[in-house]
Amino acid sequence: MRKLPDLETLGSTLDLVGDGVLILNPDRTIDYCNSGFARRAMVDPAAIVGSSLDCLYDSQHLGPDIGRRLDEVLASNSSGRHFLRGRDGREVYVECYPRANGAWTIIAGELGSPGSAGRKVLLEFLGTFIIEARPATVLYLDLDRFKVVNDTLGHDAGDAMLLIVLTRIQSALGSDDRLVRLGGDEFGVVHSGGMESAEALANTLIKLVSGPCLITGHVVQVGLSVGIAEAYSDGTEPAALLRAADLALYAAKAAGRNCAVRFNIAMDEALAIQRTLEYDLRKAEKLREFRLYYQPQRNIAGGVSSCEALIRWQHPTRGLVPPDQFLAVAEKIGLMSSIGNWVLKTACKEATGWPENVSVAVNVSPTQFASGKLVEHVRAALLDSNLPANRLEIEITETVLLNNTEANLATLHALRALGVRLAMDDFGTGYSSLSYLTRFPFDTIKVDRSFVMQMGSDASSAAIVMAVADMGNRLGISTIAEGVETTQQLEAVQACGFTATQGYLFSHPLSADDLKVSMAVWETENVFVTQAKAAA
């Protein structure tokens, strides 16, 4: 079991990172200053250790304004990032982290962007290799699950973890290799060798970094993803090589993390496609190029009591794009809350034109649920549309409920207090189902379509479907079988005791206009049922 190295052991490693590091004692005297901080402050690190922080006021670069601002930050005992401008006009950022014993760690970088100084150093190293025509590869490193350490054990533990990782990485490098911190939990290595030795180094680093370590009495582990690009084969410009390694890193994370991937030209093409999709999606969000389709939920007795709202993207050249081709991207670029709120408002408005005994079901994403504004948005959508609350059903997947249990339960109870119905969607694919069903009475359980579709060929799937129906009946919760496409599946879920079904056998998702036409037909056939009857 490895323990946190002492400061003297870490000194040489800290001097290699791109950012500046300053450690203060509880009395605000300087305990340590690495070469990166000394370079930014234009001071002699050996001369200021043991001195008061006031000695930085006369720095050619930092100056009294930044010195006073640091005093304010430390006095407020608040951590965070602050962007400041030195007396010579150069912009710096400082990240201040209070330690448990009253000491402080200060990390500084240039040009306002965390890691920008580190990139500059790495590009200079790489440029030297290329000018001298030496073999060189770039390894772009990113820690996996590091956020968990910060979130669960605090920033002190996160800092300790980073120092251990730096030491482990440095121990595997050759004398001509160069290690640079690019920002946060990302690092770059300029390796003196070709692709074969770089891949061997990457695999060594993955094993070293992923080993357990002891921090503040806790055994913790992180992983490492690595992207690799080779000079000359993948480019001769340092910036282009770093970009290629970054693309390879992205591929490593997509491949499952804790692995190394070498760059290939297809990654460039994939990135171009991804960037175009992101641009188009941002434009679509502004222009509201989305449409809602609705899939009826049919009661086993034959009636329609609800319709699920399903989003589509009406792309100007690609046509109607299904949600599985853009919602993950929307989540990644921060549009999910806005799009989800639009779906909620639109579905409530359109449902007011349906028969009064037909409700609308709306899916809620993890981002919406965690925003803290879901209850407010649901209330606003109901008021704006004048839709009775009991005609709105909020569908929540199990993954929404994995973390922050008490806050999640509070949100569910607040939604219930509004009068809306609540459904657990895709039941059986997550991890929290049973515990939540015992702690909160959902109105509906929807078993995932994958189990329904495999009932005839997979005994385990059939057992899960039967168990869900039986559990729903025992708990007094309505149950819906998704993905019912054949009469055999309908007969099977009916025999299990499901309340309702949803699937192509009865109806594909319909546009708002087509749904109105179908509803007129269903109304003449008297296939609408009330919620009370559907649940009976």
Protein backbone atom coordinates (compact mmCIF):
# COMPACT_ATOMS: atom_id res chain seq x y z
CA MET A 1 0.00 0.00 0.00
CA ARG A 2 1.50 3.34 -1.05
CA LYS A 3 1.35 6.42 1.13
CA LEU A 4 1.55 10.07 0.20
CA PRO A 5 5.21 10.96 -0.60
CA ASP A 6 6.86 13.71 1.45
CA LEU A 7 7.26 17.18 -0.02
CA GLU A 8 10.98 16.80 -0.62
CA THR A 9 10.42 13.67 -2.70
CA LEU A 10 7.74 15.43 -4.72
CA GLY A 11 9.73 18.60 -5.37
CA SER A 12 11.36 17.46 -8.58
CA THR A 13 8.04 16.16 -9.90
CA LEU A 14 6.17 19.37 -9.09
CA ASP A 15 8.81 21.34 -10.97
CA LEU A 16 7.86 19.48 -14.16
CA VAL A 17 4.16 20.42 -14.20
CA GLY A 18 3.05 23.40 -16.22
CA ASP A 19 1.14 25.16 -13.42
CA GLY A 20 2.66 27.01 -10.51
CA VAL A 21 2.29 25.50 -7.05
CA LEU A 22 2.58 27.46 -3.78
CA ILE A 23 2.00 25.90 -0.34
CA LEU A 24 1.38 28.16 2.68
CA ASN A 25 1.69 27.29 6.34
CA PRO A 26 -1.27 28.06 8.66
CA ASP A 27 0.48 31.32 9.61
CA ARG A 28 0.53 32.29 5.89
CA THR A 29 4.29 31.87 5.52
CA ILE A 30 5.50 30.15 2.35
CA ASP A 31 6.33 26.49 2.90
CA TYR A 32 7.00 25.52 -0.72
CA CYS A 33 7.22 27.18 -4.14
CA ASN A 34 7.80 25.21 -7.32
CA SER A 35 9.64 26.55 -10.35
CA GLY A 36 6.36 27.16 -12.21
CA PHE A 37 5.11 29.60 -9.56
CA ALA A 38 8.53 31.21 -9.24
CA ARG A 39 8.64 31.77 -12.99
CA ARG A 40 5.24 33.49 -12.98
CA ALA A 41 6.00 35.61 -9.93
CA MET A 42 9.58 36.27 -11.13
CA VAL A 43 11.04 35.39 -7.74
CA ASP A 44 13.76 33.07 -6.45
CA PRO A 45 11.93 30.10 -4.85
CA ALA A 46 14.74 29.44 -2.38
CA ALA A 47 14.68 33.07 -1.24
CA ILE A 48 10.94 33.26 -0.46
CA VAL A 49 10.45 29.94 1.38
CA GLY A 50 9.84 30.83 5.02
CA SER A 51 8.84 34.38 4.14
CA SER A 52 5.42 35.98 4.52
CA LEU A 53 3.07 36.10 1.55
CA ASP A 54 3.73 39.87 1.57
CA CYS A 55 7.00 39.22 -0.25
CA LEU A 56 5.00 38.63 -3.45
CA TYR A 57 3.65 42.19 -3.38
CA ASP A 58 6.88 43.48 -4.87
CA SER A 59 7.00 40.81 -7.59
CA GLN A 60 7.58 42.25 -11.06
CA HIS A 61 4.62 40.28 -12.36
CA LEU A 62 2.11 39.74 -9.54
CA GLY A 63 2.24 43.17 -7.94
CA PRO A 64 0.28 44.60 -4.96
CA ASP A 65 -3.18 44.23 -6.55
CA ILE A 66 -2.87 40.47 -6.89
CA GLY A 67 -1.20 40.25 -3.49
CA ARG A 68 -4.11 42.06 -1.83
CA ARG A 69 -6.63 39.90 -3.72
CA LEU A 70 -4.90 36.75 -2.48
CA ASP A 71 -5.13 38.13 1.05
CA GLU A 72 -8.89 38.65 0.57
CA VAL A 73 -9.39 35.11 -0.72
CA LEU A 74 -7.41 33.58 2.13
CA ALA A 75 -9.19 35.73 4.72
CA SER A 76 -12.58 34.55 3.43
CA ASN A 77 -11.40 30.93 3.72
CA SER A 78 -13.13 30.12 0.42
CA SER A 79 -11.76 27.85 -2.26
CA GLY A 80 -12.17 28.42 -5.96
CA ARG A 81 -10.63 29.88 -9.11
CA HIS A 82 -9.98 33.59 -9.53
CA PHE A 83 -8.85 35.40 -12.69
CA LEU A 84 -6.48 38.31 -12.04
CA ARG A 85 -4.27 40.66 -14.05
CA GLY A 86 -0.66 41.28 -13.05
CA ARG A 87 1.09 44.64 -13.04
CA ASP A 88 2.74 43.81 -16.40
CA GLY A 89 -0.67 43.23 -18.04
CA ARG A 90 -0.47 39.45 -18.21
CA GLU A 91 -3.57 37.63 -17.00
CA VAL A 92 -3.22 34.82 -14.48
CA TYR A 93 -5.62 32.53 -12.68
CA VAL A 94 -5.15 31.22 -9.17
CA GLU A 95 -6.92 28.27 -7.57
CA CYS A 96 -6.94 28.44 -3.76
CA TYR A 97 -7.64 25.35 -1.67
CA PRO A 98 -7.80 25.54 2.17
CA ARG A 99 -6.21 22.56 3.91
CA ALA A 100 -7.66 20.81 6.92
CA ASN A 101 -4.92 22.11 9.25
CA GLY A 102 -5.31 25.77 8.21
CA ALA A 103 -2.66 25.65 5.52
CA TRP A 104 -3.31 26.51 1.87
CA THR A 105 -2.39 25.18 -1.56
CA ILE A 106 -2.37 27.76 -4.36
CA ILE A 107 -2.15 26.73 -8.01
CA ALA A 108 -1.43 29.42 -10.60
CA GLY A 109 -1.53 29.47 -14.40
CA GLU A 110 -1.28 32.02 -17.21
CA LEU A 111 -3.52 33.45 -19.92
CA GLY A 112 -6.76 32.83 -18.06
CA SER A 113 -7.12 29.25 -19.25
CA PRO A 114 -6.20 26.41 -16.86
CA GLY A 115 -3.44 24.32 -18.40
CA SER A 116 -2.55 26.83 -21.13
CA ALA A 117 0.92 27.34 -19.68
CA GLY A 118 1.36 23.57 -19.50
CA ARG A 119 0.45 23.24 -23.18
CA LYS A 120 3.01 25.86 -24.06
CA VAL A 121 5.72 23.98 -22.19
CA LEU A 122 4.74 20.66 -23.77
CA LEU A 123 4.68 22.15 -27.28
CA GLU A 124 8.14 23.62 -26.68
CA PHE A 125 9.48 20.22 -25.61
CA LEU A 126 7.90 18.58 -28.65
CA GLY A 127 9.17 21.27 -31.01
CA THR A 128 12.72 20.68 -29.80
CA PHE A 129 12.44 16.96 -30.54
CA ILE A 130 11.12 17.65 -34.05
CA ILE A 131 13.76 20.29 -34.86
CA GLU A 132 16.45 17.82 -33.86
CA ALA A 133 14.72 15.06 -35.90
CA ARG A 134 14.58 12.79 -32.85
CA PRO A 135 11.97 10.01 -32.48
CA ALA A 136 9.03 11.37 -30.46
CA THR A 137 5.49 10.48 -29.44
CA VAL A 138 2.92 12.43 -27.46
CA LEU A 139 0.88 10.71 -24.75
CA TYR A 140 -2.22 12.57 -23.59
CA LEU A 141 -3.21 11.27 -20.14
CA ASP A 142 -6.50 11.74 -18.30
CA LEU A 143 -7.47 10.24 -14.96
CA ASP A 144 -10.63 8.14 -14.77
CA ARG A 145 -12.93 8.43 -11.73
CA PHE A 146 -10.84 11.23 -10.23
CA LYS A 147 -13.99 13.34 -9.69
CA VAL A 148 -15.30 10.63 -7.37
CA VAL A 149 -12.27 11.12 -5.10
CA ASN A 150 -12.86 14.88 -4.96
CA ASP A 151 -16.60 14.53 -4.42
CA THR A 152 -16.44 11.85 -1.72
CA LEU A 153 -13.23 12.66 0.16
CA GLY A 154 -12.74 16.35 -0.59
CA HIS A 155 -10.19 18.49 -2.44
CA ASP A 156 -7.40 17.72 0.05
CA ALA A 157 -7.66 14.05 -0.85
CA GLY A 158 -7.88 14.96 -4.54
CA ASP A 159 -4.68 16.99 -4.30
CA ALA A 160 -2.97 14.14 -2.50
CA MET A 161 -4.14 11.75 -5.20
CA LEU A 162 -2.71 14.00 -7.93
CA LEU A 163 0.68 14.12 -6.23
CA ILE A 164 0.79 10.34 -5.94
CA VAL A 165 -0.18 9.99 -9.60
CA LEU A 166 2.52 12.46 -10.66
CA THR A 167 5.14 10.50 -8.74
CA ARG A 168 4.04 7.19 -10.24
CA ILE A 169 4.06 8.58 -13.77
CA GLN A 170 7.48 10.16 -13.32
CA SER A 171 8.91 6.87 -12.02
CA ALA A 172 8.16 5.17 -15.36
CA LEU A 173 9.61 7.84 -17.66
CA GLY A 174 12.99 7.74 -19.32
CA SER A 175 15.65 10.39 -18.78
CA ASP A 176 14.74 12.13 -22.06
CA ASP A 177 10.96 12.00 -21.54
CA ARG A 178 9.11 15.11 -20.40
CA LEU A 179 5.98 15.25 -18.19
CA VAL A 180 3.70 18.32 -18.13
CA ARG A 181 0.40 18.97 -16.35
CA LEU A 182 -2.12 20.26 -18.89
CA GLY A 183 -4.78 21.19 -16.33
CA GLY A 184 -7.06 19.53 -13.80
CA ASP A 185 -6.41 15.81 -13.98
CA GLU A 186 -4.89 15.86 -17.48
CA PHE A 187 -1.20 15.39 -18.25
CA GLY A 188 1.00 15.26 -21.32
CA VAL A 189 4.16 13.26 -21.92
CA VAL A 190 6.65 13.83 -24.71
CA HIS A 191 8.24 10.41 -25.07
CA SER A 192 11.63 9.91 -26.69
CA GLY A 193 10.68 6.94 -28.84
CA GLY A 194 8.35 5.61 -31.50
CA MET A 195 4.84 4.17 -31.32
CA GLU A 196 5.85 0.71 -30.13
CA SER A 197 7.73 1.95 -27.07
CA ALA A 198 5.05 4.60 -26.45
CA GLU A 199 2.34 1.93 -26.30
CA ALA A 200 4.48 -0.09 -23.88
CA LEU A 201 4.95 3.03 -21.74
CA ALA A 202 1.22 3.76 -21.83
CA ASN A 203 0.36 0.26 -20.61
CA THR A 204 2.93 0.60 -17.82
CA LEU A 205 1.45 3.93 -16.76
CA ILE A 206 -2.08 2.49 -16.72
CA LYS A 207 -0.96 -0.28 -14.37
CA LEU A 208 0.96 2.09 -12.11
CA VAL A 209 -1.74 4.76 -11.85
CA SER A 210 -4.60 2.32 -11.32
CA GLY A 211 -2.92 0.68 -8.33
CA PRO A 212 -4.60 1.32 -4.94
CA CYS A 213 -3.24 3.98 -2.60
CA LEU A 214 -3.96 5.09 0.95
CA ILE A 215 -5.24 8.65 1.42
CA THR A 216 -6.57 10.03 4.72
CA GLY A 217 -7.23 6.50 5.91
CA HIS A 218 -9.12 5.49 2.77
CA VAL A 219 -8.03 3.07 0.07
CA VAL A 220 -8.79 4.75 -3.26
CA GLN A 221 -8.19 3.93 -6.90
CA VAL A 222 -8.39 5.85 -10.13
CA GLY A 223 -7.85 4.74 -13.70
CA LEU A 224 -5.95 6.22 -16.61
CA SER A 225 -6.96 6.72 -20.25
CA VAL A 226 -4.22 7.46 -22.77
CA GLY A 227 -4.21 8.84 -26.30
CA ILE A 228 -1.03 8.49 -28.37
CA ALA A 229 0.20 10.29 -31.49
CA GLU A 230 3.55 9.77 -33.22
CA ALA A 231 5.69 12.56 -34.64
CA TYR A 232 6.22 12.45 -38.41
CA SER A 233 3.64 9.66 -38.92
CA ASP A 234 0.74 11.66 -37.47
CA GLY A 235 2.10 15.15 -38.16
CA THR A 236 5.11 17.39 -37.79
CA GLU A 237 3.49 20.43 -36.17
CA PRO A 238 3.52 20.21 -32.35
CA ALA A 239 -0.02 21.63 -32.00
CA ALA A 240 -1.38 19.16 -34.56
CA LEU A 241 0.28 16.25 -32.76
CA LEU A 242 -1.17 17.29 -29.42
CA ARG A 243 -4.60 17.56 -31.02
CA ALA A 244 -4.18 14.09 -32.54
CA ALA A 245 -3.27 12.66 -29.12
CA ASP A 246 -6.31 14.41 -27.64
CA LEU A 247 -8.56 12.77 -30.26
CA ALA A 248 -7.03 9.39 -29.46
CA LEU A 249 -7.70 10.03 -25.76
CA TYR A 250 -11.35 10.72 -26.58
CA ALA A 251 -11.47 7.36 -28.38
CA ALA A 252 -9.88 5.64 -25.37
CA LYS A 253 -12.62 6.99 -23.11
CA ALA A 254 -15.29 5.94 -25.59
CA ALA A 255 -13.75 2.45 -25.65
CA GLY A 256 -14.38 1.99 -21.94
CA ARG A 257 -11.58 3.99 -20.26
CA ASN A 258 -8.47 2.70 -18.49
CA CYS A 259 -6.87 1.86 -21.83
CA ALA A 260 -4.55 3.35 -24.47
CA VAL A 261 -5.52 4.15 -28.07
CA ARG A 262 -3.26 5.35 -30.88
CA PHE A 263 -4.40 8.06 -33.28
CA ASN A 264 -5.71 7.27 -36.75
CA ILE A 265 -7.08 9.56 -39.45
CA ALA A 266 -10.63 8.22 -39.03
CA MET A 267 -10.73 9.99 -35.65
CA ASP A 268 -10.30 13.31 -37.42
CA GLU A 269 -13.23 12.53 -39.70
CA ALA A 270 -15.36 11.40 -36.75
CA LEU A 271 -14.58 14.63 -34.92
CA ALA A 272 -15.64 16.70 -37.93
CA ILE A 273 -18.96 14.83 -38.02
CA GLN A 274 -19.38 15.31 -34.27
CA ARG A 275 -18.64 19.04 -34.46
CA THR A 276 -21.15 19.46 -37.30
CA LEU A 277 -23.80 17.62 -35.29
CA GLU A 278 -23.13 19.81 -32.25
CA TYR A 279 -23.38 22.98 -34.35
CA ASP A 280 -26.61 21.84 -36.00
CA LEU A 281 -28.09 20.85 -32.65
CA ARG A 282 -27.34 24.23 -31.07
CA LYS A 283 -28.99 25.85 -34.06
CA ALA A 284 -31.97 23.49 -33.79
CA GLU A 285 -32.43 24.38 -30.12
CA LYS A 286 -32.62 28.08 -30.98
CA LEU A 287 -34.92 27.59 -33.98
CA ARG A 288 -37.05 24.94 -32.22
CA GLU A 289 -36.64 22.36 -34.98
CA PHE A 290 -37.99 19.66 -32.68
CA ARG A 291 -41.30 17.87 -32.99
CA LEU A 292 -43.25 15.71 -30.58
CA TYR A 293 -44.70 12.34 -31.55
CA TYR A 294 -47.02 10.40 -29.29
CA GLN A 295 -47.34 6.66 -28.73
CA PRO A 296 -50.62 5.48 -27.15
CA GLN A 297 -50.63 3.25 -24.10
CA ARG A 298 -53.44 0.72 -24.48
CA ASN A 299 -55.23 -0.80 -21.54
CA ILE A 300 -55.35 -4.60 -21.56
CA ALA A 301 -59.14 -4.37 -21.68
CA GLY A 302 -58.81 -2.45 -24.94
CA GLY A 303 -58.95 1.25 -23.99
CA VAL A 304 -56.48 4.10 -24.48
CA SER A 305 -55.78 6.08 -21.33
CA SER A 306 -52.48 7.83 -22.04
CA CYS A 307 -49.93 8.73 -24.74
CA GLU A 308 -46.17 9.03 -24.27
CA ALA A 309 -44.49 12.12 -25.73
CA LEU A 310 -41.44 11.23 -27.85
CA ILE A 311 -39.13 13.89 -29.28
CA ARG A 312 -37.91 14.00 -32.90
CA TRP A 313 -35.54 16.43 -34.60
CA GLN A 314 -36.82 17.81 -37.91
CA HIS A 315 -33.38 18.35 -39.48
CA PRO A 316 -33.39 20.59 -42.59
CA THR A 317 -31.40 18.08 -44.69
CA ARG A 318 -31.39 14.78 -42.77
CA GLY A 319 -35.13 14.67 -42.25
CA LEU A 320 -36.69 13.29 -39.08
CA VAL A 321 -33.90 12.31 -36.69
CA PRO A 322 -34.75 9.86 -33.85
CA PRO A 323 -33.76 10.73 -30.26
CA ASP A 324 -31.05 8.07 -29.93
CA GLN A 325 -29.02 9.97 -32.54
CA PHE A 326 -28.94 13.35 -30.80
CA LEU A 327 -30.04 13.33 -27.15
CA ALA A 328 -26.66 12.09 -25.86
CA VAL A 329 -24.99 14.94 -27.76
CA ALA A 330 -27.51 17.40 -26.33
CA GLU A 331 -26.61 16.16 -22.85
CA LYS A 332 -22.90 16.56 -23.57
CA ILE A 333 -23.13 20.16 -24.81
CA GLY A 334 -25.51 21.32 -22.09
CA LEU A 335 -28.79 21.58 -24.01
CA MET A 336 -30.70 18.80 -22.28
CA SER A 337 -32.43 20.95 -19.67
CA SER A 338 -33.63 23.46 -22.25
CA ILE A 339 -34.85 20.77 -24.64
CA GLY A 340 -36.48 18.78 -21.85
CA ASN A 341 -38.35 21.82 -20.59
CA TRP A 342 -39.58 22.53 -24.13
CA VAL A 343 -40.89 18.94 -24.37
CA LEU A 344 -42.68 19.33 -21.05
CA LYS A 345 -44.38 22.61 -22.01
CA THR A 346 -45.30 21.48 -25.52
CA ALA A 347 -46.69 18.11 -24.43
CA CYS A 348 -48.92 19.74 -21.80
CA LYS A 349 -50.26 22.28 -24.30
CA GLU A 350 -51.00 19.70 -26.99
CA ALA A 351 -52.63 17.32 -24.51
CA THR A 352 -55.26 19.94 -23.65
CA GLY A 353 -56.80 19.26 -27.07
CA TRP A 354 -57.29 15.56 -26.32
CA PRO A 355 -60.30 13.89 -24.65
CA GLU A 356 -60.38 14.74 -20.96
CA ASN A 357 -59.79 11.16 -19.89
CA VAL A 358 -56.50 10.81 -21.81
CA SER A 359 -53.29 11.82 -20.05
CA VAL A 360 -49.80 12.56 -21.42
CA ALA A 361 -46.58 10.90 -20.25
CA VAL A 362 -43.34 12.94 -20.42
CA ASN A 363 -39.82 11.57 -19.93
CA VAL A 364 -37.48 13.50 -17.63
CA SER A 365 -33.69 13.31 -18.08
CA PRO A 366 -31.18 12.92 -15.22
CA THR A 367 -30.02 16.48 -15.92
CA GLN A 368 -33.53 17.89 -15.49
CA PHE A 369 -34.09 15.89 -12.33
CA ALA A 370 -30.78 17.00 -10.79
CA SER A 371 -31.22 20.66 -11.72
CA GLY A 372 -33.36 21.44 -8.71
CA LYS A 373 -35.86 23.21 -10.99
CA LEU A 374 -37.96 20.27 -12.17
CA VAL A 375 -40.86 20.89 -9.78
CA GLU A 376 -40.87 24.58 -10.73
CA HIS A 377 -40.89 23.73 -14.44
CA VAL A 378 -43.70 21.17 -14.06
CA ARG A 379 -45.80 23.67 -12.11
CA ALA A 380 -45.20 26.35 -14.78
CA ALA A 381 -46.09 23.96 -17.63
CA LEU A 382 -49.38 23.03 -15.95
CA LEU A 383 -50.30 26.66 -15.25
CA ASP A 384 -49.36 27.80 -18.75
CA SER A 385 -51.40 25.06 -20.45
CA ASN A 386 -54.27 24.76 -17.95
CA LEU A 387 -53.80 20.99 -18.10
CA PRO A 388 -55.14 19.30 -14.95
CA ALA A 389 -52.24 17.88 -12.95
CA ASN A 390 -53.71 14.36 -12.90
CA ARG A 391 -53.48 14.26 -16.70
CA LEU A 392 -49.67 14.58 -16.62
CA GLU A 393 -47.46 11.58 -15.87
CA ILE A 394 -43.71 12.13 -15.35
CA GLU A 395 -41.58 9.17 -16.45
CA ILE A 396 -38.27 8.71 -14.64
CA THR A 397 -35.64 6.10 -15.49
CA GLU A 398 -33.87 4.19 -12.77
CA THR A 399 -30.53 5.87 -13.58
CA VAL A 400 -32.06 9.21 -12.52
CA LEU A 401 -32.42 7.86 -9.01
CA LEU A 402 -28.98 6.35 -8.44
CA ASN A 403 -27.45 9.18 -6.38
CA ASN A 404 -28.48 11.73 -3.76
CA THR A 405 -31.32 9.58 -2.46
CA GLU A 406 -32.89 11.97 0.04
CA ALA A 407 -32.97 14.87 -2.41
CA ASN A 408 -34.45 12.57 -5.06
CA LEU A 409 -37.20 11.45 -2.70
CA ALA A 410 -37.95 15.06 -1.78
CA THR A 411 -38.35 15.92 -5.47
CA LEU A 412 -40.65 12.93 -6.03
CA HIS A 413 -42.83 13.93 -3.09
CA ALA A 414 -42.96 17.55 -4.32
CA LEU A 415 -44.12 16.34 -7.74
CA ARG A 416 -46.73 14.14 -6.13
CA ALA A 417 -47.92 17.14 -4.11
CA LEU A 418 -48.63 18.94 -7.39
CA GLY A 419 -51.03 16.14 -8.28
CA VAL A 420 -49.09 14.63 -11.21
CA ARG A 421 -48.65 10.90 -11.68
CA LEU A 422 -45.19 9.29 -11.54
CA ALA A 423 -43.89 6.35 -13.54
CA MET A 424 -40.64 4.40 -13.32
CA ASP A 425 -39.52 3.83 -16.91
CA ASP A 426 -37.26 1.08 -18.32
CA PHE A 427 -37.71 -0.97 -15.16
CA GLY A 428 -35.15 -3.75 -14.78
CA THR A 429 -32.24 -2.04 -16.54
CA GLY A 430 -30.95 -0.04 -13.55
CA TYR A 431 -29.91 -0.67 -9.95
CA SER A 432 -32.28 1.13 -7.61
CA SER A 433 -35.69 -0.28 -8.49
CA LEU A 434 -36.70 -2.30 -5.46
CA SER A 435 -35.40 0.13 -2.86
CA TYR A 436 -37.26 3.01 -4.46
CA LEU A 437 -40.49 1.09 -4.87
CA THR A 438 -40.49 0.37 -1.14
CA ARG A 439 -39.64 3.99 -0.22
CA PHE A 440 -41.84 5.79 -2.74
CA PRO A 441 -45.17 4.64 -4.22
CA PHE A 442 -44.89 5.17 -7.98
CA ASP A 443 -48.17 5.14 -9.87
CA THR A 444 -46.81 3.11 -12.78
CA ILE A 445 -43.97 0.71 -13.59
CA LYS A 446 -42.94 0.29 -17.23
CA VAL A 447 -40.93 -2.84 -17.93
CA ASP A 448 -38.24 -2.30 -20.54
CA ARG A 449 -39.04 -3.39 -24.11
CA SER A 450 -35.88 -5.52 -24.33
CA PHE A 451 -37.32 -8.01 -21.82
CA VAL A 452 -40.71 -8.14 -23.55
CA MET A 453 -39.17 -8.74 -26.97
CA GLN A 454 -37.04 -11.63 -25.65
CA MET A 455 -39.76 -13.38 -23.65
CA GLY A 456 -40.23 -16.11 -26.24
CA SER A 457 -36.53 -16.95 -26.56
CA ASP A 458 -35.01 -16.14 -23.20
CA ALA A 459 -36.28 -17.69 -19.96
CA SER A 460 -34.58 -15.02 -17.81
CA SER A 461 -36.36 -12.22 -19.64
CA ALA A 462 -39.69 -14.00 -19.33
CA ALA A 463 -39.11 -14.45 -15.58
CA ILE A 464 -38.33 -10.73 -15.16
CA VAL A 465 -41.50 -9.72 -17.02
CA MET A 466 -43.64 -12.02 -14.88
CA ALA A 467 -41.97 -10.81 -11.69
CA VAL A 468 -42.62 -7.14 -12.56
CA ALA A 469 -46.30 -7.81 -13.24
CA ASP A 470 -46.69 -9.76 -10.01
CA MET A 471 -44.86 -7.11 -7.97
CA GLY A 472 -46.98 -4.33 -9.46
CA ASN A 473 -50.19 -6.18 -8.66
CA ARG A 474 -49.09 -6.87 -5.08
CA LEU A 475 -48.06 -3.21 -4.53
CA GLY A 476 -51.16 -1.81 -6.23
CA ILE A 477 -49.08 -0.15 -8.97
CA SER A 478 -50.15 -0.02 -12.62
CA THR A 479 -47.83 -1.91 -14.97
CA ILE A 480 -47.10 -1.24 -18.64
CA ALA A 481 -45.28 -3.64 -20.95
CA GLU A 482 -43.26 -1.74 -23.57
CA GLY A 483 -42.30 -3.05 -27.00
CA VAL A 484 -45.36 -5.22 -27.64
CA GLU A 485 -45.22 -5.90 -31.38
CA THR A 486 -46.90 -9.29 -31.88
CA THR A 487 -50.11 -10.94 -30.77
CA GLN A 488 -48.01 -13.61 -29.04
CA GLN A 489 -46.31 -10.94 -26.92
CA LEU A 490 -49.66 -9.35 -26.15
CA GLU A 491 -51.09 -12.67 -25.01
CA ALA A 492 -48.00 -13.34 -22.91
CA VAL A 493 -48.03 -10.03 -21.01
CA GLN A 494 -51.80 -10.27 -20.63
CA ALA A 495 -51.35 -13.69 -19.03
CA CYS A 496 -48.76 -12.18 -16.66
CA GLY A 497 -51.31 -9.65 -15.42
CA PHE A 498 -50.09 -6.36 -16.92
CA THR A 499 -52.36 -3.34 -16.72
CA ALA A 500 -51.49 -1.89 -20.14
CA THR A 501 -49.22 -2.25 -23.15
CA GLN A 502 -47.32 0.07 -25.46
CA GLY A 503 -45.89 -0.89 -28.82
CA TYR A 504 -46.21 -1.17 -32.58
CA LEU A 505 -48.92 -3.84 -32.38
CA PHE A 506 -51.44 -1.15 -31.50
CA SER A 507 -49.77 2.00 -32.84
CA HIS A 508 -46.48 3.51 -33.96
CA PRO A 509 -45.61 6.95 -32.54
CA LEU A 510 -47.85 9.52 -34.24
CA SER A 511 -47.40 13.21 -35.00
CA ALA A 512 -49.71 15.59 -33.14
CA ASP A 513 -51.91 15.97 -36.24
CA ASP A 514 -52.09 12.23 -36.96
CA LEU A 515 -52.86 11.55 -33.32
CA LYS A 516 -55.91 13.84 -33.49
CA VAL A 517 -57.21 11.89 -36.49
CA SER A 518 -56.65 8.57 -34.73
CA MET A 519 -58.27 9.86 -31.55
CA ALA A 520 -61.39 10.79 -33.50
CA VAL A 521 -61.57 7.21 -34.78
CA TRP A 522 -60.89 5.74 -31.33
CA GLU A 523 -63.58 7.99 -29.85
CA THR A 524 -66.21 6.61 -32.22
CA GLU A 525 -65.05 3.10 -31.33
CA ASN A 526 -65.32 3.98 -27.63
CA VAL A 527 -61.80 2.81 -26.81
CA PHE A 528 -60.97 5.60 -24.36
CA VAL A 529 -60.99 4.68 -20.70
CA THR A 530 -60.51 6.74 -17.58
CA GLN A 531 -57.42 6.45 -15.45
CA ALA A 532 -59.50 4.90 -12.68
CA LYS A 533 -60.84 2.19 -14.97
CA ALA A 534 -57.39 1.59 -16.50
CA ALA A 535 -55.92 0.96 -13.08
CA ALA A 536 -58.80 -1.24 -11.91
